[in-house]
Amino acid sequence: MGVEIPKTSYSGAIRQISFGSANKVTMGGANSFPFHVFEGEMPNPPRIAMEVYDHPPEDWPEAALAPFKDVVDDPVKWAGKCIEEYGAEIICLQLKGLDPNGKDDPVEDAVATASRVAEAVEVPLIVWGCGNDEKDAEALKAICEACEGRGLMVGPVTENNYSRVGAAAIAYQHVVAAMTPIDINLAKQLNILLGNLGVPDDRIVIDPNSAALGYGIEYTYSVMERIRMAALLQEDERLAFPIICNMAREVWKVKEVGIPQQEDPKLGDPEERGIMMEAMTASLLLNAGADLLIMRHPEAIKRTRKLISDMMG
């Protein structure tokens, strides 16, 4: 007697979002839970972006810095190495130098850096601000204008700056990453605000705010799962967008990643420890519904790519 595997019927689907210019990437489109290809379709596998910073990192563990030591002084060379040596299909430029509590770079410098990277790479580009709403609004608006026609993804777009960044994204045809603090209702509300502003549905992705393994990942997972349930089972159109997780920076700042082996031998090799922390965090986020991960270490990315390939069957 054969065994019939029970299957869930889904009435909703995630929108497909494309960004980039010469080599566009398409995300989303699934009409079932992540990797439930026995129940529905997942036409586009989850994507991975490799991050590049505008300034040499000063607080990274040695294991994270080692693969990029020769290029951290130049974001263009850094992006090139990610593409040529590590096969990056998307680059994420992190503009940490904009932070008023850090280097407080002028907006003009951020625009120049973003323009140089956009001009140098042929893969799609994500430009990520520093997290200060006012500074990000000013910088991302100017970057949208300077990079017109390149189909960027820009973020984080928040409740406090969505009108300015969203208007620029509409005018210059870019995608926005709508970030809210791990709350499904706030995520939906920001998507509604962006829609009311006039941002097309095919130019919005959700950033639910990622956590690292052991540091609040259960909250992130739960909210992402609920967003997917609302989109697929309840046909909530304001939550049926692809999800992006800017996760690498969260993983590599936790204390367990940076503790030297001699201080706590039971933790094992610090490089392998950090790689596994990043790869395991990626695995959890993928199973929660992530369509795009921003990652750092080439080996963690290699393992995550294999996981995606295996899960896609």
Protein backbone atom coordinates (compact mmCIF):
# COMPACT_ATOMS: atom_id res chain seq x y z
CA MET A 1 0.00 0.00 0.00
CA GLY A 2 1.44 3.34 -1.06
CA VAL A 3 1.86 6.27 1.30
CA GLU A 4 0.38 9.57 0.19
CA ILE A 5 2.37 12.53 1.49
CA PRO A 6 0.00 15.26 2.79
CA LYS A 7 0.34 18.54 0.97
CA THR A 8 -0.72 22.09 1.77
CA SER A 9 -2.60 24.10 -0.81
CA TYR A 10 -1.46 27.73 -1.12
CA SER A 11 -3.66 30.44 -2.60
CA GLY A 12 -1.06 33.23 -2.61
CA ALA A 13 2.37 33.78 -4.18
CA ILE A 14 5.43 35.97 -3.65
CA ARG A 15 6.00 38.69 -6.23
CA GLN A 16 8.98 38.43 -8.52
CA ILE A 17 11.39 41.34 -8.21
CA SER A 18 14.24 42.06 -10.64
CA PHE A 19 17.08 44.53 -10.23
CA GLY A 20 20.33 45.35 -11.98
CA SER A 21 20.95 46.59 -15.51
CA ALA A 22 23.20 44.52 -17.79
CA ASN A 23 22.88 41.33 -15.73
CA LYS A 24 19.57 41.43 -13.92
CA VAL A 25 18.77 39.12 -11.00
CA THR A 26 15.21 37.98 -10.30
CA MET A 27 14.00 36.96 -6.85
CA GLY A 28 10.76 35.64 -5.44
CA GLY A 29 7.94 34.00 -7.37
CA ALA A 30 7.41 31.08 -4.97
CA ASN A 31 3.88 29.82 -4.34
CA SER A 32 4.80 27.51 -1.46
CA PHE A 33 6.87 27.62 1.70
CA PRO A 34 10.68 27.72 1.28
CA PHE A 35 12.01 24.66 -0.57
CA HIS A 36 8.59 22.91 -0.46
CA VAL A 37 8.99 22.13 -4.14
CA PHE A 38 6.84 19.02 -3.64
CA GLU A 39 3.88 21.33 -2.94
CA GLY A 40 4.44 24.21 -5.34
CA GLU A 41 6.97 26.09 -7.41
CA MET A 42 10.07 28.03 -6.43
CA PRO A 43 11.16 29.38 -9.83
CA ASN A 44 14.04 31.49 -8.52
CA PRO A 45 16.53 30.07 -5.99
CA PRO A 46 17.56 32.34 -3.10
CA ARG A 47 20.41 34.69 -3.98
CA ILE A 48 23.59 35.68 -2.12
CA ALA A 49 25.24 39.11 -2.22
CA MET A 50 28.83 39.63 -1.08
CA GLU A 51 29.41 42.74 0.98
CA VAL A 52 32.01 45.43 0.31
CA TYR A 53 32.72 48.36 2.62
CA ASP A 54 33.53 51.97 1.84
CA HIS A 55 36.40 51.99 4.38
CA PRO A 56 38.79 49.30 5.63
CA PRO A 57 37.05 47.47 8.50
CA GLU A 58 38.56 48.21 11.89
CA ASP A 59 36.61 45.76 14.03
CA TRP A 60 36.47 42.55 11.99
CA PRO A 61 37.92 39.30 13.36
CA GLU A 62 41.03 38.14 11.52
CA ALA A 63 39.13 35.20 10.02
CA ALA A 64 36.69 37.54 8.27
CA LEU A 65 39.31 40.02 7.15
CA ALA A 66 41.88 37.55 5.79
CA PRO A 67 40.23 36.82 2.38
CA PHE A 68 40.10 40.55 1.56
CA LYS A 69 43.24 41.97 3.22
CA ASP A 70 44.80 42.99 -0.08
CA VAL A 71 41.78 44.97 -1.33
CA VAL A 72 40.07 46.57 1.70
CA ASP A 73 41.58 49.97 0.86
CA ASP A 74 39.61 50.19 -2.39
CA PRO A 75 35.90 49.25 -2.68
CA VAL A 76 36.22 48.84 -6.46
CA LYS A 77 39.07 46.33 -6.15
CA TRP A 78 37.24 44.63 -3.30
CA ALA A 79 34.11 44.22 -5.42
CA GLY A 80 36.22 42.96 -8.31
CA LYS A 81 37.85 40.30 -6.16
CA CYS A 82 34.46 39.15 -4.89
CA ILE A 83 33.26 38.72 -8.47
CA GLU A 84 36.39 37.31 -10.10
CA GLU A 85 37.70 35.03 -7.34
CA TYR A 86 34.58 34.14 -5.38
CA GLY A 87 31.92 34.25 -8.07
CA ALA A 88 29.72 36.92 -6.50
CA GLU A 89 26.51 37.39 -8.46
CA ILE A 90 25.50 40.50 -6.47
CA ILE A 91 27.56 43.11 -4.62
CA CYS A 92 26.34 44.99 -1.54
CA LEU A 93 28.19 48.23 -0.85
CA GLN A 94 27.93 49.05 2.87
CA LEU A 95 28.34 52.80 3.46
CA LYS A 96 29.35 52.58 7.10
CA GLY A 97 31.48 55.72 6.78
CA LEU A 98 28.33 57.86 6.57
CA ASP A 99 27.54 57.24 10.24
CA PRO A 100 27.53 60.58 12.16
CA ASN A 101 28.77 58.66 15.20
CA GLY A 102 31.66 57.24 13.19
CA LYS A 103 33.65 58.81 10.36
CA ASP A 104 30.70 61.05 9.37
CA ASP A 105 31.70 61.08 5.70
CA PRO A 106 30.19 63.85 3.56
CA VAL A 107 27.33 62.69 1.36
CA GLU A 108 29.38 63.66 -1.69
CA ASP A 109 32.02 61.08 -0.75
CA ALA A 110 29.40 58.33 -0.44
CA VAL A 111 27.91 59.25 -3.82
CA ALA A 112 31.37 59.17 -5.42
CA THR A 113 32.13 55.74 -3.91
CA ALA A 114 28.79 54.28 -4.96
CA SER A 115 29.17 55.68 -8.47
CA ARG A 116 32.67 54.22 -8.85
CA VAL A 117 31.52 50.76 -7.76
CA ALA A 118 28.39 50.91 -9.92
CA GLU A 119 30.49 51.87 -12.92
CA ALA A 120 33.05 49.11 -12.29
CA VAL A 121 30.81 46.09 -11.75
CA GLU A 122 28.43 44.42 -14.18
CA VAL A 123 26.55 42.42 -11.56
CA PRO A 124 23.57 43.98 -9.72
CA LEU A 125 24.48 46.36 -6.90
CA ILE A 126 22.89 46.94 -3.51
CA VAL A 127 23.78 50.21 -1.76
CA TRP A 128 23.24 50.12 2.01
CA GLY A 129 23.37 53.17 4.25
CA CYS A 130 24.73 53.52 7.76
CA GLY A 131 21.42 53.22 9.63
CA ASN A 132 21.04 56.90 10.46
CA ASP A 133 17.71 57.87 8.92
CA GLU A 134 18.58 61.49 8.11
CA LYS A 135 22.04 60.82 6.69
CA ASP A 136 20.79 57.81 4.73
CA ALA A 137 17.90 59.77 3.26
CA GLU A 138 20.24 62.45 1.95
CA ALA A 139 22.85 60.02 0.66
CA LEU A 140 20.56 57.41 -0.89
CA LYS A 141 18.52 60.08 -2.64
CA ALA A 142 21.67 61.50 -4.24
CA ILE A 143 22.97 58.01 -5.12
CA CYS A 144 19.67 57.13 -6.80
CA GLU A 145 20.07 60.17 -9.02
CA ALA A 146 23.76 59.61 -9.74
CA CYS A 147 23.15 55.95 -10.66
CA GLU A 148 20.04 56.44 -12.76
CA GLY A 149 19.40 53.51 -15.09
CA ARG A 150 21.57 51.02 -13.15
CA GLY A 151 18.65 49.41 -11.32
CA LEU A 152 20.14 49.54 -7.83
CA MET A 153 18.59 48.21 -4.67
CA VAL A 154 18.88 50.83 -1.92
CA GLY A 155 18.33 50.56 1.81
CA PRO A 156 17.60 50.65 4.59
CA VAL A 157 14.36 52.49 3.82
CA THR A 158 12.51 53.15 7.09
CA GLU A 159 9.33 54.81 8.30
CA ASN A 160 11.35 57.97 8.93
CA ASN A 161 12.93 58.34 5.50
CA TYR A 162 10.72 56.34 3.10
CA SER A 163 9.13 59.40 1.47
CA ARG A 164 12.46 60.92 0.39
CA VAL A 165 14.23 57.72 -0.61
CA GLY A 166 11.07 56.23 -2.11
CA ALA A 167 10.48 59.28 -4.28
CA ALA A 168 14.05 59.08 -5.60
CA ALA A 169 13.66 55.37 -6.30
CA ILE A 170 10.50 56.07 -8.28
CA ALA A 171 12.13 58.88 -10.27
CA TYR A 172 15.33 56.98 -11.11
CA GLN A 173 13.92 53.44 -11.26
CA HIS A 174 15.55 51.62 -8.35
CA VAL A 175 14.34 48.98 -5.87
CA VAL A 176 13.89 49.80 -2.17
CA ALA A 177 14.61 47.55 0.82
CA ALA A 178 11.94 48.40 3.41
CA MET A 179 13.37 47.79 6.88
CA THR A 180 11.37 47.48 10.09
CA PRO A 181 12.39 46.21 13.56
CA ILE A 182 11.31 42.53 13.59
CA ASP A 183 7.55 43.13 13.56
CA ILE A 184 5.09 41.85 10.96
CA ASN A 185 2.60 44.69 11.47
CA LEU A 186 5.26 47.36 11.07
CA ALA A 187 6.56 45.60 7.96
CA LYS A 188 3.09 45.62 6.42
CA GLN A 189 2.51 49.26 7.37
CA LEU A 190 5.75 50.42 5.73
CA ASN A 191 4.86 48.53 2.55
CA ILE A 192 1.48 50.26 2.55
CA LEU A 193 3.16 53.65 2.96
CA LEU A 194 5.53 52.94 0.08
CA GLY A 195 2.62 51.84 -2.10
CA ASN A 196 0.66 54.98 -1.25
CA LEU A 197 3.73 57.03 -2.16
CA GLY A 198 3.70 55.41 -5.59
CA VAL A 199 6.56 52.93 -5.36
CA PRO A 200 5.57 50.07 -7.73
CA ASP A 201 5.04 46.65 -6.16
CA ASP A 202 7.78 45.20 -8.32
CA ARG A 203 10.32 47.53 -6.67
CA ILE A 204 9.85 46.65 -2.98
CA VAL A 205 11.62 44.03 -0.89
CA ILE A 206 11.16 43.41 2.83
CA ASP A 207 14.01 43.67 5.32
CA PRO A 208 12.65 42.28 8.63
CA ASN A 209 15.96 43.06 10.39
CA SER A 210 18.14 39.99 10.80
CA ALA A 211 19.75 38.54 13.90
CA ALA A 212 22.66 36.11 14.26
CA LEU A 213 22.63 32.53 15.45
CA GLY A 214 22.04 32.54 19.21
CA TYR A 215 21.39 36.29 19.33
CA GLY A 216 17.68 36.71 18.66
CA ILE A 217 17.46 34.50 15.58
CA GLU A 218 14.26 32.97 16.94
CA TYR A 219 12.51 36.35 16.73
CA THR A 220 13.70 36.94 13.19
CA TYR A 221 12.69 33.42 12.15
CA SER A 222 9.23 33.75 13.70
CA VAL A 223 8.47 37.09 12.05
CA MET A 224 9.72 35.93 8.64
CA GLU A 225 7.64 32.76 8.95
CA ARG A 226 4.54 34.78 9.78
CA ILE A 227 5.17 37.11 6.83
CA ARG A 228 5.33 34.09 4.50
CA MET A 229 2.20 32.54 6.05
CA ALA A 230 0.25 35.78 5.59
CA ALA A 231 1.35 36.07 1.96
CA LEU A 232 0.81 32.45 0.92
CA LEU A 233 -2.14 31.32 3.04
CA GLN A 234 -4.02 34.59 3.58
CA GLU A 235 -3.15 36.25 0.26
CA ASP A 236 -1.96 39.41 2.01
CA GLU A 237 -0.69 41.43 -0.94
CA ARG A 238 1.19 43.93 1.25
CA LEU A 239 3.41 41.16 2.59
CA ALA A 240 3.89 39.18 -0.63
CA PHE A 241 7.34 40.61 -1.36
CA PRO A 242 10.77 38.94 -1.43
CA ILE A 243 12.77 39.13 1.81
CA ILE A 244 16.35 40.41 2.13
CA CYS A 245 18.55 39.67 5.18
CA ASN A 246 21.61 41.84 5.84
CA MET A 247 23.04 39.14 8.10
CA ALA A 248 26.86 39.07 7.85
CA ARG A 249 27.48 42.12 10.00
CA GLU A 250 25.29 40.62 12.74
CA VAL A 251 27.12 37.28 12.71
CA TRP A 252 30.69 38.56 12.74
CA LYS A 253 30.20 40.96 15.63
CA VAL A 254 29.04 38.39 18.21
CA LYS A 255 31.54 37.61 20.95
CA GLU A 256 31.83 33.89 20.19
CA VAL A 257 33.21 34.66 16.74
CA GLY A 258 36.05 36.81 18.05
CA ILE A 259 37.24 34.85 21.11
CA PRO A 260 40.80 33.52 20.52
CA GLN A 261 41.18 29.75 20.79
CA GLN A 262 43.74 30.04 23.57
CA GLU A 263 41.23 31.87 25.75
CA ASP A 264 38.59 29.15 25.36
CA PRO A 265 40.00 25.97 23.72
CA LYS A 266 36.64 24.19 23.70
CA LEU A 267 35.36 26.67 21.09
CA GLY A 268 37.83 25.30 18.56
CA ASP A 269 39.40 27.01 15.56
CA PRO A 270 38.13 30.63 15.34
CA GLU A 271 38.03 30.68 11.53
CA GLU A 272 35.93 27.53 11.27
CA ARG A 273 33.78 28.76 14.14
CA GLY A 274 32.98 32.02 12.36
CA ILE A 275 32.35 30.29 9.04
CA MET A 276 29.95 27.85 10.67
CA MET A 277 28.15 30.64 12.56
CA GLU A 278 27.58 32.48 9.29
CA ALA A 279 26.58 29.39 7.32
CA MET A 280 24.19 28.17 10.04
CA THR A 281 22.59 31.60 10.34
CA ALA A 282 22.14 31.60 6.55
CA SER A 283 20.53 28.15 6.70
CA LEU A 284 17.98 29.29 9.28
CA LEU A 285 17.09 32.44 7.38
CA LEU A 286 16.69 30.53 4.12
CA ASN A 287 14.27 28.11 5.74
CA ALA A 288 12.35 31.02 7.22
CA GLY A 289 11.84 32.54 3.77
CA ALA A 290 14.86 34.68 2.83
CA ASP A 291 15.17 35.38 -0.90
CA LEU A 292 18.44 37.33 -0.67
CA LEU A 293 21.25 37.03 1.88
CA ILE A 294 24.08 39.53 2.34
CA MET A 295 27.09 37.44 3.38
CA ARG A 296 30.82 37.90 4.02
CA HIS A 297 33.16 34.91 4.22
CA PRO A 298 33.76 33.08 0.90
CA GLU A 299 33.75 29.65 2.56
CA ALA A 300 30.45 30.31 4.35
CA ILE A 301 29.02 31.43 1.01
CA LYS A 302 30.32 28.29 -0.70
CA ARG A 303 28.59 26.09 1.87
CA THR A 304 25.39 28.06 1.65
CA ARG A 305 25.33 27.82 -2.14
CA LYS A 306 25.64 24.04 -1.87
CA LEU A 307 22.80 23.97 0.66
CA ILE A 308 20.58 25.96 -1.69
CA SER A 309 21.44 23.65 -4.59
CA ASP A 310 20.72 20.54 -2.51
CA MET A 311 17.45 21.94 -1.15
CA MET A 312 16.25 22.94 -4.61
CA GLY A 313 16.62 19.28 -5.57
